[in-house]
Amino acid sequence: MGLLVFQPFRTEPPLPSITAGDTHISTTQGYYCWSGILSTACANPVRPLDSPTSVSPGEEINIEFRMKPFAESLKVEQGKNNVTQIPIHNHIFVAPKEKGLYLFNLTAFWNNGDGNYAFSIIVE
């Protein structure tokens, strides 16, 4: 039995829960467009990126939303200038094997709109 989440007065897309093992990875909401019963909003909030989270090389990173996005709509991109699309399967992708700081952009789509989120990790 699945969980159906109905939030007709929501004014922005849901935030993801991103984890590496038991470690929570903080996300920063970026550009979004969202339609509710009473309003539609598009915004590009300017917020500082949260501190990067330490993960192990090759560790699985899991992305979950309380309100499920369309199947196959999740996209994860790495980088800022030279952007690379990261393979994602069943809401999971694998951290890089090489040590360093990595920036990611996550995009998801629902009936009500779309959302973009930024997060960073340090592979140690």
PDB file of N, CA and C in Angstrom:
ATOM      1  N   MET A   1       0.841  -1.170   0.000  1.00  0.00           N
ATOM      2  CA  MET A   1       0.000   0.000   0.000  1.00  0.00           C
ATOM      3  C   MET A   1       0.888   1.234   0.000  1.00  0.00           C
ATOM      4  N   GLY A   2       0.666   2.156  -0.952  1.00  0.00           N
ATOM      5  CA  GLY A   2       1.463   3.369  -1.066  1.00  0.00           C
ATOM      6  C   GLY A   2       0.864   4.510  -0.270  1.00  0.00           C
ATOM      7  N   LEU A   3       1.666   5.497  -0.033  1.00  0.00           N
ATOM      8  CA  LEU A   3       1.237   6.689   0.688  1.00  0.00           C
ATOM      9  C   LEU A   3       0.928   7.775  -0.327  1.00  0.00           C
ATOM     10  N   LEU A   4      -0.278   8.318  -0.282  1.00  0.00           N
ATOM     11  CA  LEU A   4      -0.682   9.400  -1.167  1.00  0.00           C
ATOM     12  C   LEU A   4      -0.630  10.696  -0.376  1.00  0.00           C
ATOM     13  N   VAL A   5       0.146  11.652  -0.860  1.00  0.00           N
ATOM     14  CA  VAL A   5       0.263  12.942  -0.192  1.00  0.00           C
ATOM     15  C   VAL A   5      -0.476  13.971  -1.030  1.00  0.00           C
ATOM     16  N   PHE A   6      -1.467  14.625  -0.439  1.00  0.00           N
ATOM     17  CA  PHE A   6      -2.267  15.641  -1.125  1.00  0.00           C
ATOM     18  C   PHE A   6      -2.116  16.943  -0.362  1.00  0.00           C
ATOM     19  N   GLN A   7      -1.498  17.927  -0.994  1.00  0.00           N
ATOM     20  CA  GLN A   7      -1.279  19.218  -0.353  1.00  0.00           C
ATOM     21  C   GLN A   7      -1.720  20.321  -1.315  1.00  0.00           C
ATOM     22  N   PRO A   8      -3.035  20.616  -1.386  1.00  0.00           N
ATOM     23  CA  PRO A   8      -3.546  21.549  -2.386  1.00  0.00           C
ATOM     24  C   PRO A   8      -3.095  22.992  -2.196  1.00  0.00           C
ATOM     25  N   PHE A   9      -2.650  23.364  -1.004  1.00  0.00           N
ATOM     26  CA  PHE A   9      -2.283  24.754  -0.757  1.00  0.00           C
ATOM     27  C   PHE A   9      -0.770  24.974  -0.749  1.00  0.00           C
ATOM     28  N   ARG A  10      -0.024  23.966  -1.131  1.00  0.00           N
ATOM     29  CA  ARG A  10       1.435  24.082  -1.216  1.00  0.00           C
ATOM     30  C   ARG A  10       1.779  25.162  -2.237  1.00  0.00           C
ATOM     31  N   THR A  11       2.758  26.016  -1.919  1.00  0.00           N
ATOM     32  CA  THR A  11       3.137  27.107  -2.809  1.00  0.00           C
ATOM     33  C   THR A  11       4.495  26.908  -3.456  1.00  0.00           C
ATOM     34  N   GLU A  12       5.166  25.823  -3.121  1.00  0.00           N
ATOM     35  CA  GLU A  12       6.445  25.516  -3.740  1.00  0.00           C
ATOM     36  C   GLU A  12       6.639  24.005  -3.732  1.00  0.00           C
ATOM     37  N   PRO A  13       7.546  23.506  -4.566  1.00  0.00           N
ATOM     38  CA  PRO A  13       7.727  22.055  -4.632  1.00  0.00           C
ATOM     39  C   PRO A  13       8.304  21.504  -3.330  1.00  0.00           C
ATOM     40  N   PRO A  14       8.089  20.214  -3.082  1.00  0.00           N
ATOM     41  CA  PRO A  14       8.625  19.607  -1.861  1.00  0.00           C
ATOM     42  C   PRO A  14      10.148  19.551  -1.894  1.00  0.00           C
ATOM     43  N   LEU A  15      10.744  19.573  -0.722  1.00  0.00           N
ATOM     44  CA  LEU A  15      12.194  19.447  -0.620  1.00  0.00           C
ATOM     45  C   LEU A  15      12.580  17.974  -0.596  1.00  0.00           C
ATOM     46  N   PRO A  16      13.694  17.633  -1.221  1.00  0.00           N
ATOM     47  CA  PRO A  16      14.135  16.240  -1.182  1.00  0.00           C
ATOM     48  C   PRO A  16      14.821  15.912   0.136  1.00  0.00           C
ATOM     49  N   SER A  17      14.829  14.638   0.456  1.00  0.00           N
ATOM     50  CA  SER A  17      15.656  14.112   1.537  1.00  0.00           C
ATOM     51  C   SER A  17      16.773  13.338   0.850  1.00  0.00           C
ATOM     52  N   ILE A  18      17.993  13.838   0.971  1.00  0.00           N
ATOM     53  CA  ILE A  18      19.139  13.213   0.314  1.00  0.00           C
ATOM     54  C   ILE A  18      20.045  12.657   1.399  1.00  0.00           C
ATOM     55  N   THR A  19      20.399  11.382   1.261  1.00  0.00           N
ATOM     56  CA  THR A  19      21.225  10.726   2.268  1.00  0.00           C
ATOM     57  C   THR A  19      22.336   9.905   1.622  1.00  0.00           C
ATOM     58  N   ALA A  20      23.428   9.775   2.367  1.00  0.00           N
ATOM     59  CA  ALA A  20      24.515   8.860   2.028  1.00  0.00           C
ATOM     60  C   ALA A  20      24.667   7.967   3.252  1.00  0.00           C
ATOM     61  N   GLY A  21      24.162   6.745   3.161  1.00  0.00           N
ATOM     62  CA  GLY A  21      24.102   5.891   4.344  1.00  0.00           C
ATOM     63  C   GLY A  21      23.145   6.518   5.340  1.00  0.00           C
ATOM     64  N   ASP A  22      23.607   6.744   6.570  1.00  0.00           N
ATOM     65  CA  ASP A  22      22.786   7.385   7.603  1.00  0.00           C
ATOM     66  C   ASP A  22      23.011   8.894   7.666  1.00  0.00           C
ATOM     67  N   THR A  23      23.819   9.430   6.765  1.00  0.00           N
ATOM     68  CA  THR A  23      24.175  10.849   6.796  1.00  0.00           C
ATOM     69  C   THR A  23      23.258  11.659   5.893  1.00  0.00           C
ATOM     70  N   HIS A  24      22.642  12.705   6.470  1.00  0.00           N
ATOM     71  CA  HIS A  24      21.773  13.610   5.712  1.00  0.00           C
ATOM     72  C   HIS A  24      22.636  14.616   4.946  1.00  0.00           C
ATOM     73  N   ILE A  25      22.293  14.850   3.678  1.00  0.00           N
ATOM     74  CA  ILE A  25      22.982  15.844   2.851  1.00  0.00           C
ATOM     75  C   ILE A  25      22.044  17.033   2.681  1.00  0.00           C
ATOM     76  N   SER A  26      22.479  18.203   3.141  1.00  0.00           N
ATOM     77  CA  SER A  26      21.652  19.414   3.060  1.00  0.00           C
ATOM     78  C   SER A  26      21.494  19.873   1.616  1.00  0.00           C
ATOM     79  N   THR A  27      20.299  20.377   1.301  1.00  0.00           N
ATOM     80  CA  THR A  27      20.029  20.896  -0.037  1.00  0.00           C
ATOM     81  C   THR A  27      19.588  22.349   0.055  1.00  0.00           C
ATOM     82  N   THR A  28      19.790  23.071  -1.034  1.00  0.00           N
ATOM     83  CA  THR A  28      19.357  24.454  -1.153  1.00  0.00           C
ATOM     84  C   THR A  28      18.393  24.529  -2.327  1.00  0.00           C
ATOM     85  N   GLN A  29      17.191  25.058  -2.084  1.00  0.00           N
ATOM     86  CA  GLN A  29      16.210  25.152  -3.161  1.00  0.00           C
ATOM     87  C   GLN A  29      16.608  26.257  -4.126  1.00  0.00           C
ATOM     88  N   GLY A  30      16.505  25.948  -5.408  1.00  0.00           N
ATOM     89  CA  GLY A  30      16.785  26.921  -6.453  1.00  0.00           C
ATOM     90  C   GLY A  30      15.504  27.260  -7.199  1.00  0.00           C
ATOM     91  N   TYR A  31      15.631  27.507  -8.497  1.00  0.00           N
ATOM     92  CA  TYR A  31      14.508  27.913  -9.336  1.00  0.00           C
ATOM     93  C   TYR A  31      13.383  26.882  -9.297  1.00  0.00           C
ATOM     94  N   TYR A  32      12.130  27.370  -9.258  1.00  0.00           N
ATOM     95  CA  TYR A  32      10.977  26.476  -9.333  1.00  0.00           C
ATOM     96  C   TYR A  32       9.774  27.212  -9.898  1.00  0.00           C
ATOM     97  N   CYS A  33       8.836  26.437 -10.435  1.00  0.00           N
ATOM     98  CA  CYS A  33       7.487  26.901 -10.780  1.00  0.00           C
ATOM     99  C   CYS A  33       6.526  25.903 -10.161  1.00  0.00           C
ATOM    100  N   TRP A  34       5.481  26.412  -9.497  1.00  0.00           N
ATOM    101  CA  TRP A  34       4.564  25.535  -8.783  1.00  0.00           C
ATOM    102  C   TRP A  34       3.160  26.106  -8.825  1.00  0.00           C
ATOM    103  N   SER A  35       2.173  25.254  -9.129  1.00  0.00           N
ATOM    104  CA  SER A  35       0.766  25.658  -9.163  1.00  0.00           C
ATOM    105  C   SER A  35      -0.003  24.937  -8.075  1.00  0.00           C
ATOM    106  N   GLY A  36      -0.767  25.706  -7.303  1.00  0.00           N
ATOM    107  CA  GLY A  36      -1.665  25.153  -6.298  1.00  0.00           C
ATOM    108  C   GLY A  36      -3.086  25.505  -6.679  1.00  0.00           C
ATOM    109  N   ILE A  37      -4.023  25.237  -5.798  1.00  0.00           N
ATOM    110  CA  ILE A  37      -5.429  25.546  -6.071  1.00  0.00           C
ATOM    111  C   ILE A  37      -5.648  27.046  -6.190  1.00  0.00           C
ATOM    112  N   LEU A  38      -4.991  27.812  -5.328  1.00  0.00           N
ATOM    113  CA  LEU A  38      -5.244  29.248  -5.278  1.00  0.00           C
ATOM    114  C   LEU A  38      -4.177  30.106  -5.936  1.00  0.00           C
ATOM    115  N   SER A  39      -3.033  29.538  -6.260  1.00  0.00           N
ATOM    116  CA  SER A  39      -1.973  30.377  -6.810  1.00  0.00           C
ATOM    117  C   SER A  39      -0.985  29.572  -7.638  1.00  0.00           C
ATOM    118  N   THR A  40      -0.253  30.306  -8.463  1.00  0.00           N
ATOM    119  CA  THR A  40       0.863  29.761  -9.224  1.00  0.00           C
ATOM    120  C   THR A  40       2.044  30.681  -8.984  1.00  0.00           C
ATOM    121  N   ALA A  41       3.201  30.095  -8.750  1.00  0.00           N
ATOM    122  CA  ALA A  41       4.381  30.914  -8.483  1.00  0.00           C
ATOM    123  C   ALA A  41       5.596  30.333  -9.182  1.00  0.00           C
ATOM    124  N   CYS A  42       6.399  31.214  -9.743  1.00  0.00           N
ATOM    125  CA  CYS A  42       7.724  30.869 -10.235  1.00  0.00           C
ATOM    126  C   CYS A  42       8.697  31.754  -9.473  1.00  0.00           C
ATOM    127  N   ALA A  43       9.762  31.174  -8.986  1.00  0.00           N
ATOM    128  CA  ALA A  43      10.719  31.943  -8.194  1.00  0.00           C
ATOM    129  C   ALA A  43      12.117  31.376  -8.393  1.00  0.00           C
ATOM    130  N   ASN A  44      13.077  32.233  -8.156  1.00  0.00           N
ATOM    131  CA  ASN A  44      14.473  31.828  -8.186  1.00  0.00           C
ATOM    132  C   ASN A  44      15.137  32.382  -6.932  1.00  0.00           C
ATOM    133  N   PRO A  45      14.868  31.740  -5.790  1.00  0.00           N
ATOM    134  CA  PRO A  45      15.405  32.267  -4.539  1.00  0.00           C
ATOM    135  C   PRO A  45      16.932  32.240  -4.542  1.00  0.00           C
ATOM    136  N   VAL A  46      17.521  33.324  -4.096  1.00  0.00           N
ATOM    137  CA  VAL A  46      18.976  33.398  -3.994  1.00  0.00           C
ATOM    138  C   VAL A  46      19.342  33.061  -2.557  1.00  0.00           C
ATOM    139  N   ARG A  47      19.884  31.878  -2.390  1.00  0.00           N
ATOM    140  CA  ARG A  47      20.253  31.397  -1.060  1.00  0.00           C
ATOM    141  C   ARG A  47      21.661  30.834  -1.136  1.00  0.00           C
ATOM    142  N   PRO A  48      22.437  30.994  -0.067  1.00  0.00           N
ATOM    143  CA  PRO A  48      23.777  30.402  -0.081  1.00  0.00           C
ATOM    144  C   PRO A  48      23.683  28.876  -0.030  1.00  0.00           C
ATOM    145  N   LEU A  49      24.631  28.237  -0.673  1.00  0.00           N
ATOM    146  CA  LEU A  49      24.701  26.779  -0.657  1.00  0.00           C
ATOM    147  C   LEU A  49      25.143  26.325   0.729  1.00  0.00           C
ATOM    148  N   ASP A  50      24.474  25.302   1.262  1.00  0.00           N
ATOM    149  CA  ASP A  50      24.850  24.750   2.564  1.00  0.00           C
ATOM    150  C   ASP A  50      26.253  24.145   2.490  1.00  0.00           C
ATOM    151  N   SER A  51      26.861  23.949   3.637  1.00  0.00           N
ATOM    152  CA  SER A  51      28.197  23.349   3.702  1.00  0.00           C
ATOM    153  C   SER A  51      28.172  21.954   3.094  1.00  0.00           C
ATOM    154  N   PRO A  52      29.265  21.557   2.434  1.00  0.00           N
ATOM    155  CA  PRO A  52      29.305  20.215   1.848  1.00  0.00           C
ATOM    156  C   PRO A  52      29.311  19.132   2.920  1.00  0.00           C
ATOM    157  N   THR A  53      28.792  17.981   2.547  1.00  0.00           N
ATOM    158  CA  THR A  53      28.714  16.824   3.437  1.00  0.00           C
ATOM    159  C   THR A  53      29.787  15.822   3.034  1.00  0.00           C
ATOM    160  N   SER A  54      30.486  15.266   4.009  1.00  0.00           N
ATOM    161  CA  SER A  54      31.526  14.271   3.739  1.00  0.00           C
ATOM    162  C   SER A  54      30.901  12.924   3.415  1.00  0.00           C
ATOM    163  N   VAL A  55      31.381  12.307   2.337  1.00  0.00           N
ATOM    164  CA  VAL A  55      30.947  10.964   1.951  1.00  0.00           C
ATOM    165  C   VAL A  55      32.177  10.153   1.555  1.00  0.00           C
ATOM    166  N   SER A  56      32.009   8.853   1.482  1.00  0.00           N
ATOM    167  CA  SER A  56      33.090   7.958   1.074  1.00  0.00           C
ATOM    168  C   SER A  56      33.119   7.826  -0.443  1.00  0.00           C
ATOM    169  N   PRO A  57      34.291   7.530  -1.014  1.00  0.00           N
ATOM    170  CA  PRO A  57      34.367   7.311  -2.458  1.00  0.00           C
ATOM    171  C   PRO A  57      33.437   6.171  -2.884  1.00  0.00           C
ATOM    172  N   GLY A  58      32.650   6.385  -3.929  1.00  0.00           N
ATOM    173  CA  GLY A  58      31.756   5.358  -4.456  1.00  0.00           C
ATOM    174  C   GLY A  58      30.540   5.062  -3.602  1.00  0.00           C
ATOM    175  N   GLU A  59      30.279   5.877  -2.574  1.00  0.00           N
ATOM    176  CA  GLU A  59      29.121   5.645  -1.697  1.00  0.00           C
ATOM    177  C   GLU A  59      27.817   5.943  -2.438  1.00  0.00           C
ATOM    178  N   GLU A  60      26.786   5.147  -2.160  1.00  0.00           N
ATOM    179  CA  GLU A  60      25.473   5.383  -2.763  1.00  0.00           C
ATOM    180  C   GLU A  60      24.800   6.581  -2.110  1.00  0.00           C
ATOM    181  N   ILE A  61      24.218   7.446  -2.949  1.00  0.00           N
ATOM    182  CA  ILE A  61      23.492   8.627  -2.480  1.00  0.00           C
ATOM    183  C   ILE A  61      22.041   8.458  -2.896  1.00  0.00           C
ATOM    184  N   ASN A  62      21.146   8.509  -1.904  1.00  0.00           N
ATOM    185  CA  ASN A  62      19.728   8.228  -2.107  1.00  0.00           C
ATOM    186  C   ASN A  62      18.919   9.526  -2.073  1.00  0.00           C
ATOM    187  N   ILE A  63      17.993   9.683  -3.016  1.00  0.00           N
ATOM    188  CA  ILE A  63      17.140  10.869  -3.111  1.00  0.00           C
ATOM    189  C   ILE A  63      15.692  10.438  -2.938  1.00  0.00           C
ATOM    190  N   GLU A  64      15.003  11.026  -1.963  1.00  0.00           N
ATOM    191  CA  GLU A  64      13.592  10.715  -1.717  1.00  0.00           C
ATOM    192  C   GLU A  64      12.787  12.005  -1.577  1.00  0.00           C
ATOM    193  N   PHE A  65      11.535  11.950  -2.006  1.00  0.00           N
ATOM    194  CA  PHE A  65      10.578  13.036  -1.824  1.00  0.00           C
ATOM    195  C   PHE A  65       9.334  12.463  -1.165  1.00  0.00           C
ATOM    196  N   ARG A  66       8.712  13.198  -0.234  1.00  0.00           N
ATOM    197  CA  ARG A  66       7.427  12.758   0.336  1.00  0.00           C
ATOM    198  C   ARG A  66       6.370  12.702  -0.751  1.00  0.00           C
ATOM    199  N   MET A  67       6.376  13.674  -1.641  1.00  0.00           N
ATOM    200  CA  MET A  67       5.464  13.699  -2.779  1.00  0.00           C
ATOM    201  C   MET A  67       6.283  13.242  -3.986  1.00  0.00           C
ATOM    202  N   LYS A  68       6.003  12.052  -4.472  1.00  0.00           N
ATOM    203  CA  LYS A  68       6.817  11.444  -5.518  1.00  0.00           C
ATOM    204  C   LYS A  68       6.749  12.240  -6.824  1.00  0.00           C
ATOM    205  N   PRO A  69       7.905  12.557  -7.425  1.00  0.00           N
ATOM    206  CA  PRO A  69       7.904  13.195  -8.742  1.00  0.00           C
ATOM    207  C   PRO A  69       7.567  12.162  -9.814  1.00  0.00           C
ATOM    208  N   PHE A  70       7.333  12.656 -11.044  1.00  0.00           N
ATOM    209  CA  PHE A  70       7.081  11.747 -12.159  1.00  0.00           C
ATOM    210  C   PHE A  70       8.207  10.723 -12.255  1.00  0.00           C
ATOM    211  N   ALA A  71       7.845   9.508 -12.612  1.00  0.00           N
ATOM    212  CA  ALA A  71       8.844   8.467 -12.834  1.00  0.00           C
ATOM    213  C   ALA A  71       9.805   8.943 -13.922  1.00  0.00           C
ATOM    214  N   GLU A  72      11.054   8.684 -13.729  1.00  0.00           N
ATOM    215  CA  GLU A  72      12.110   9.038 -14.679  1.00  0.00           C
ATOM    216  C   GLU A  72      12.316  10.540 -14.852  1.00  0.00           C
ATOM    217  N   SER A  73      11.721  11.378 -13.983  1.00  0.00           N
ATOM    218  CA  SER A  73      11.913  12.823 -14.147  1.00  0.00           C
ATOM    219  C   SER A  73      13.102  13.356 -13.353  1.00  0.00           C
ATOM    220  N   LEU A  74      13.630  12.575 -12.414  1.00  0.00           N
ATOM    221  CA  LEU A  74      14.776  13.043 -11.637  1.00  0.00           C
ATOM    222  C   LEU A  74      16.011  13.128 -12.522  1.00  0.00           C
ATOM    223  N   LYS A  75      16.692  14.270 -12.431  1.00  0.00           N
ATOM    224  CA  LYS A  75      17.946  14.456 -13.161  1.00  0.00           C
ATOM    225  C   LYS A  75      18.961  15.018 -12.173  1.00  0.00           C
ATOM    226  N   VAL A  76      20.164  14.446 -12.182  1.00  0.00           N
ATOM    227  CA  VAL A  76      21.249  14.944 -11.349  1.00  0.00           C
ATOM    228  C   VAL A  76      22.390  15.336 -12.275  1.00  0.00           C
ATOM    229  N   GLU A  77      22.862  16.579 -12.106  1.00  0.00           N
ATOM    230  CA  GLU A  77      23.995  17.064 -12.885  1.00  0.00           C
ATOM    231  C   GLU A  77      25.099  17.483 -11.927  1.00  0.00           C
ATOM    232  N   GLN A  78      26.329  17.242 -12.354  1.00  0.00           N
ATOM    233  CA  GLN A  78      27.494  17.577 -11.540  1.00  0.00           C
ATOM    234  C   GLN A  78      28.272  18.683 -12.222  1.00  0.00           C
ATOM    235  N   GLY A  79      28.760  19.627 -11.431  1.00  0.00           N
ATOM    236  CA  GLY A  79      29.615  20.676 -11.959  1.00  0.00           C
ATOM    237  C   GLY A  79      28.909  22.003 -12.077  1.00  0.00           C
ATOM    238  N   LYS A  80      29.701  23.024 -12.365  1.00  0.00           N
ATOM    239  CA  LYS A  80      29.161  24.365 -12.501  1.00  0.00           C
ATOM    240  C   LYS A  80      29.351  24.872 -13.924  1.00  0.00           C
ATOM    241  N   ASN A  81      30.563  24.779 -14.452  1.00  0.00           N
ATOM    242  CA  ASN A  81      30.824  25.242 -15.816  1.00  0.00           C
ATOM    243  C   ASN A  81      30.769  24.093 -16.816  1.00  0.00           C
ATOM    244  N   ASN A  82      31.455  23.024 -16.526  1.00  0.00           N
ATOM    245  CA  ASN A  82      31.415  21.824 -17.365  1.00  0.00           C
ATOM    246  C   ASN A  82      30.458  20.836 -16.714  1.00  0.00           C
ATOM    247  N   VAL A  83      29.192  20.910 -17.084  1.00  0.00           N
ATOM    248  CA  VAL A  83      28.144  20.114 -16.441  1.00  0.00           C
ATOM    249  C   VAL A  83      28.112  18.708 -17.032  1.00  0.00           C
ATOM    250  N   THR A  84      28.030  17.719 -16.143  1.00  0.00           N
ATOM    251  CA  THR A  84      27.949  16.317 -16.536  1.00  0.00           C
ATOM    252  C   THR A  84      26.688  15.713 -15.940  1.00  0.00           C
ATOM    253  N   GLN A  85      25.887  15.039 -16.774  1.00  0.00           N
ATOM    254  CA  GLN A  85      24.705  14.342 -16.253  1.00  0.00           C
ATOM    255  C   GLN A  85      25.162  13.056 -15.569  1.00  0.00           C
ATOM    256  N   ILE A  86      24.624  12.825 -14.365  1.00  0.00           N
ATOM    257  CA  ILE A  86      25.001  11.668 -13.557  1.00  0.00           C
ATOM    258  C   ILE A  86      23.927  10.591 -13.700  1.00  0.00           C
ATOM    259  N   PRO A  87      24.323   9.353 -13.984  1.00  0.00           N
ATOM    260  CA  PRO A  87      23.328   8.275 -14.053  1.00  0.00           C
ATOM    261  C   PRO A  87      22.652   8.074 -12.699  1.00  0.00           C
ATOM    262  N   ILE A  88      21.335   7.941 -12.726  1.00  0.00           N
ATOM    263  CA  ILE A  88      20.560   7.730 -11.504  1.00  0.00           C
ATOM    264  C   ILE A  88      19.578   6.591 -11.761  1.00  0.00           C
ATOM    265  N   HIS A  89      19.532   5.640 -10.834  1.00  0.00           N
ATOM    266  CA  HIS A  89      18.649   4.477 -10.963  1.00  0.00           C
ATOM    267  C   HIS A  89      17.927   4.270  -9.635  1.00  0.00           C
ATOM    268  N   ASN A  90      16.591   4.185  -9.693  1.00  0.00           N
ATOM    269  CA  ASN A  90      15.780   3.995  -8.484  1.00  0.00           C
ATOM    270  C   ASN A  90      16.105   5.035  -7.406  1.00  0.00           C
ATOM    271  N   HIS A  91      16.281   6.273  -7.840  1.00  0.00           N
ATOM    272  CA  HIS A  91      16.535   7.405  -6.940  1.00  0.00           C
ATOM    273  C   HIS A  91      17.900   7.329  -6.258  1.00  0.00           C
ATOM    274  N   ILE A  92      18.822   6.560  -6.820  1.00  0.00           N
ATOM    275  CA  ILE A  92      20.156   6.402  -6.233  1.00  0.00           C
ATOM    276  C   ILE A  92      21.211   6.700  -7.290  1.00  0.00           C
ATOM    277  N   PHE A  93      22.252   7.447  -6.881  1.00  0.00           N
ATOM    278  CA  PHE A  93      23.434   7.579  -7.723  1.00  0.00           C
ATOM    279  C   PHE A  93      24.667   7.351  -6.854  1.00  0.00           C
ATOM    280  N   VAL A  94      25.807   7.192  -7.492  1.00  0.00           N
ATOM    281  CA  VAL A  94      27.032   6.831  -6.784  1.00  0.00           C
ATOM    282  C   VAL A  94      27.970   8.036  -6.731  1.00  0.00           C
ATOM    283  N   ALA A  95      28.505   8.308  -5.540  1.00  0.00           N
ATOM    284  CA  ALA A  95      29.469   9.398  -5.376  1.00  0.00           C
ATOM    285  C   ALA A  95      30.725   9.101  -6.194  1.00  0.00           C
ATOM    286  N   PRO A  96      31.405  10.146  -6.642  1.00  0.00           N
ATOM    287  CA  PRO A  96      32.661   9.927  -7.380  1.00  0.00           C
ATOM    288  C   PRO A  96      33.665   9.134  -6.540  1.00  0.00           C
ATOM    289  N   LYS A  97      34.572   8.458  -7.219  1.00  0.00           N
ATOM    290  CA  LYS A  97      35.585   7.664  -6.532  1.00  0.00           C
ATOM    291  C   LYS A  97      36.803   8.509  -6.145  1.00  0.00           C
ATOM    292  N   GLU A  98      37.003   9.622  -6.855  1.00  0.00           N
ATOM    293  CA  GLU A  98      38.159  10.478  -6.573  1.00  0.00           C
ATOM    294  C   GLU A  98      37.825  11.494  -5.490  1.00  0.00           C
ATOM    295  N   LYS A  99      38.790  11.727  -4.601  1.00  0.00           N
ATOM    296  CA  LYS A  99      38.594  12.689  -3.519  1.00  0.00           C
ATOM    297  C   LYS A  99      38.443  14.095  -4.085  1.00  0.00           C
ATOM    298  N   GLY A 100      37.637  14.911  -3.383  1.00  0.00           N
ATOM    299  CA  GLY A 100      37.466  16.297  -3.802  1.00  0.00           C
ATOM    300  C   GLY A 100      36.090  16.824  -3.462  1.00  0.00           C
ATOM    301  N   LEU A 101      35.870  18.103  -3.803  1.00  0.00           N
ATOM    302  CA  LEU A 101      34.597  18.786  -3.599  1.00  0.00           C
ATOM    303  C   LEU A 101      33.776  18.681  -4.877  1.00  0.00           C
ATOM    304  N   TYR A 102      32.509  18.288  -4.753  1.00  0.00           N
ATOM    305  CA  TYR A 102      31.626  18.122  -5.907  1.00  0.00           C
ATOM    306  C   TYR A 102      30.319  18.873  -5.680  1.00  0.00           C
ATOM    307  N   LEU A 103      29.886  19.622  -6.688  1.00  0.00           N
ATOM    308  CA  LEU A 103      28.621  20.352  -6.659  1.00  0.00           C
ATOM    309  C   LEU A 103      27.621  19.648  -7.560  1.00  0.00           C
ATOM    310  N   PHE A 104      26.353  19.577  -7.112  1.00  0.00           N
ATOM    311  CA  PHE A 104      25.314  18.891  -7.875  1.00  0.00           C
ATOM    312  C   PHE A 104      24.069  19.757  -7.990  1.00  0.00           C
ATOM    313  N   ASN A 105      23.345  19.578  -9.086  1.00  0.00           N
ATOM    314  CA  ASN A 105      22.025  20.178  -9.279  1.00  0.00           C
ATOM    315  C   ASN A 105      21.037  19.041  -9.511  1.00  0.00           C
ATOM    316  N   LEU A 106      19.945  19.059  -8.769  1.00  0.00           N
ATOM    317  CA  LEU A 106      18.888  18.053  -8.876  1.00  0.00           C
ATOM    318  C   LEU A 106      17.643  18.727  -9.437  1.00  0.00           C
ATOM    319  N   THR A 107      17.007  18.110 -10.418  1.00  0.00           N
ATOM    320  CA  THR A 107      15.761  18.615 -10.996  1.00  0.00           C
ATOM    321  C   THR A 107      14.709  17.520 -10.910  1.00  0.00           C
ATOM    322  N   ALA A 108      13.467  17.907 -10.570  1.00  0.00           N
ATOM    323  CA  ALA A 108      12.352  16.957 -10.494  1.00  0.00           C
ATOM    324  C   ALA A 108      11.083  17.638 -10.997  1.00  0.00           C
ATOM    325  N   PHE A 109      10.154  16.831 -11.540  1.00  0.00           N
ATOM    326  CA  PHE A 109       8.903  17.343 -12.104  1.00  0.00           C
ATOM    327  C   PHE A 109       7.701  16.617 -11.505  1.00  0.00           C
ATOM    328  N   TRP A 110       6.629  17.378 -11.259  1.00  0.00           N
ATOM    329  CA  TRP A 110       5.349  16.872 -10.771  1.00  0.00           C
ATOM    330  C   TRP A 110       4.239  17.458 -11.636  1.00  0.00           C
ATOM    331  N   ASN A 111       2.998  17.012 -11.414  1.00  0.00           N
ATOM    332  CA  ASN A 111       1.852  17.623 -12.095  1.00  0.00           C
ATOM    333  C   ASN A 111       1.771  19.120 -11.825  1.00  0.00           C
ATOM    334  N   ASN A 112       2.148  19.531 -10.619  1.00  0.00           N
ATOM    335  CA  ASN A 112       2.014  20.925 -10.211  1.00  0.00           C
ATOM    336  C   ASN A 112       3.175  21.812 -10.638  1.00  0.00           C
ATOM    337  N   GLY A 113       4.256  21.228 -11.125  1.00  0.00           N
ATOM    338  CA  GLY A 113       5.394  22.046 -11.532  1.00  0.00           C
ATOM    339  C   GLY A 113       6.709  21.313 -11.392  1.00  0.00           C
ATOM    340  N   ASP A 114       7.761  22.099 -11.196  1.00  0.00           N
ATOM    341  CA  ASP A 114       9.100  21.533 -11.133  1.00  0.00           C
ATOM    342  C   ASP A 114       9.922  22.247 -10.072  1.00  0.00           C
ATOM    343  N   GLY A 115      11.009  21.604  -9.681  1.00  0.00           N
ATOM    344  CA  GLY A 115      11.910  22.193  -8.707  1.00  0.00           C
ATOM    345  C   GLY A 115      13.350  21.846  -9.020  1.00  0.00           C
ATOM    346  N   ASN A 116      14.240  22.757  -8.660  1.00  0.00           N
ATOM    347  CA  ASN A 116      15.681  22.561  -8.789  1.00  0.00           C
ATOM    348  C   ASN A 116      16.308  22.746  -7.416  1.00  0.00           C
ATOM    349  N   TYR A 117      17.296  21.928  -7.108  1.00  0.00           N
ATOM    350  CA  TYR A 117      17.924  21.935  -5.796  1.00  0.00           C
ATOM    351  C   TYR A 117      19.428  21.774  -5.980  1.00  0.00           C
ATOM    352  N   ALA A 118      20.197  22.440  -5.138  1.00  0.00           N
ATOM    353  CA  ALA A 118      21.651  22.328  -5.189  1.00  0.00           C
ATOM    354  C   ALA A 118      22.146  21.674  -3.903  1.00  0.00           C
ATOM    355  N   PHE A 119      23.210  20.892  -4.032  1.00  0.00           N
ATOM    356  CA  PHE A 119      23.859  20.314  -2.858  1.00  0.00           C
ATOM    357  C   PHE A 119      25.304  20.007  -3.203  1.00  0.00           C
ATOM    358  N   SER A 120      26.114  19.838  -2.179  1.00  0.00           N
ATOM    359  CA  SER A 120      27.531  19.567  -2.410  1.00  0.00           C
ATOM    360  C   SER A 120      28.018  18.485  -1.451  1.00  0.00           C
ATOM    361  N   ILE A 121      29.030  17.772  -1.908  1.00  0.00           N
ATOM    362  CA  ILE A 121      29.651  16.732  -1.084  1.00  0.00           C
ATOM    363  C   ILE A 121      31.169  16.880  -1.161  1.00  0.00           C
ATOM    364  N   ILE A 122      31.827  16.367  -0.149  1.00  0.00           N
ATOM    365  CA  ILE A 122      33.284  16.215  -0.173  1.00  0.00           C
ATOM    366  C   ILE A 122      33.558  14.724  -0.093  1.00  0.00           C
ATOM    367  N   VAL A 123      34.215  14.198  -1.107  1.00  0.00           N
ATOM    368  CA  VAL A 123      34.605  12.787  -1.094  1.00  0.00           C
ATOM    369  C   VAL A 123      35.958  12.717  -0.394  1.00  0.00           C
ATOM    370  N   GLU A 124      35.999  11.953   0.710  1.00  0.00           N
ATOM    371  CA  GLU A 124      37.235  11.853   1.512  1.00  0.00           C
ATOM    372  C   GLU A 124      37.678  10.410   1.652  1.00  0.00           C
TER     373      GLU A 124
END
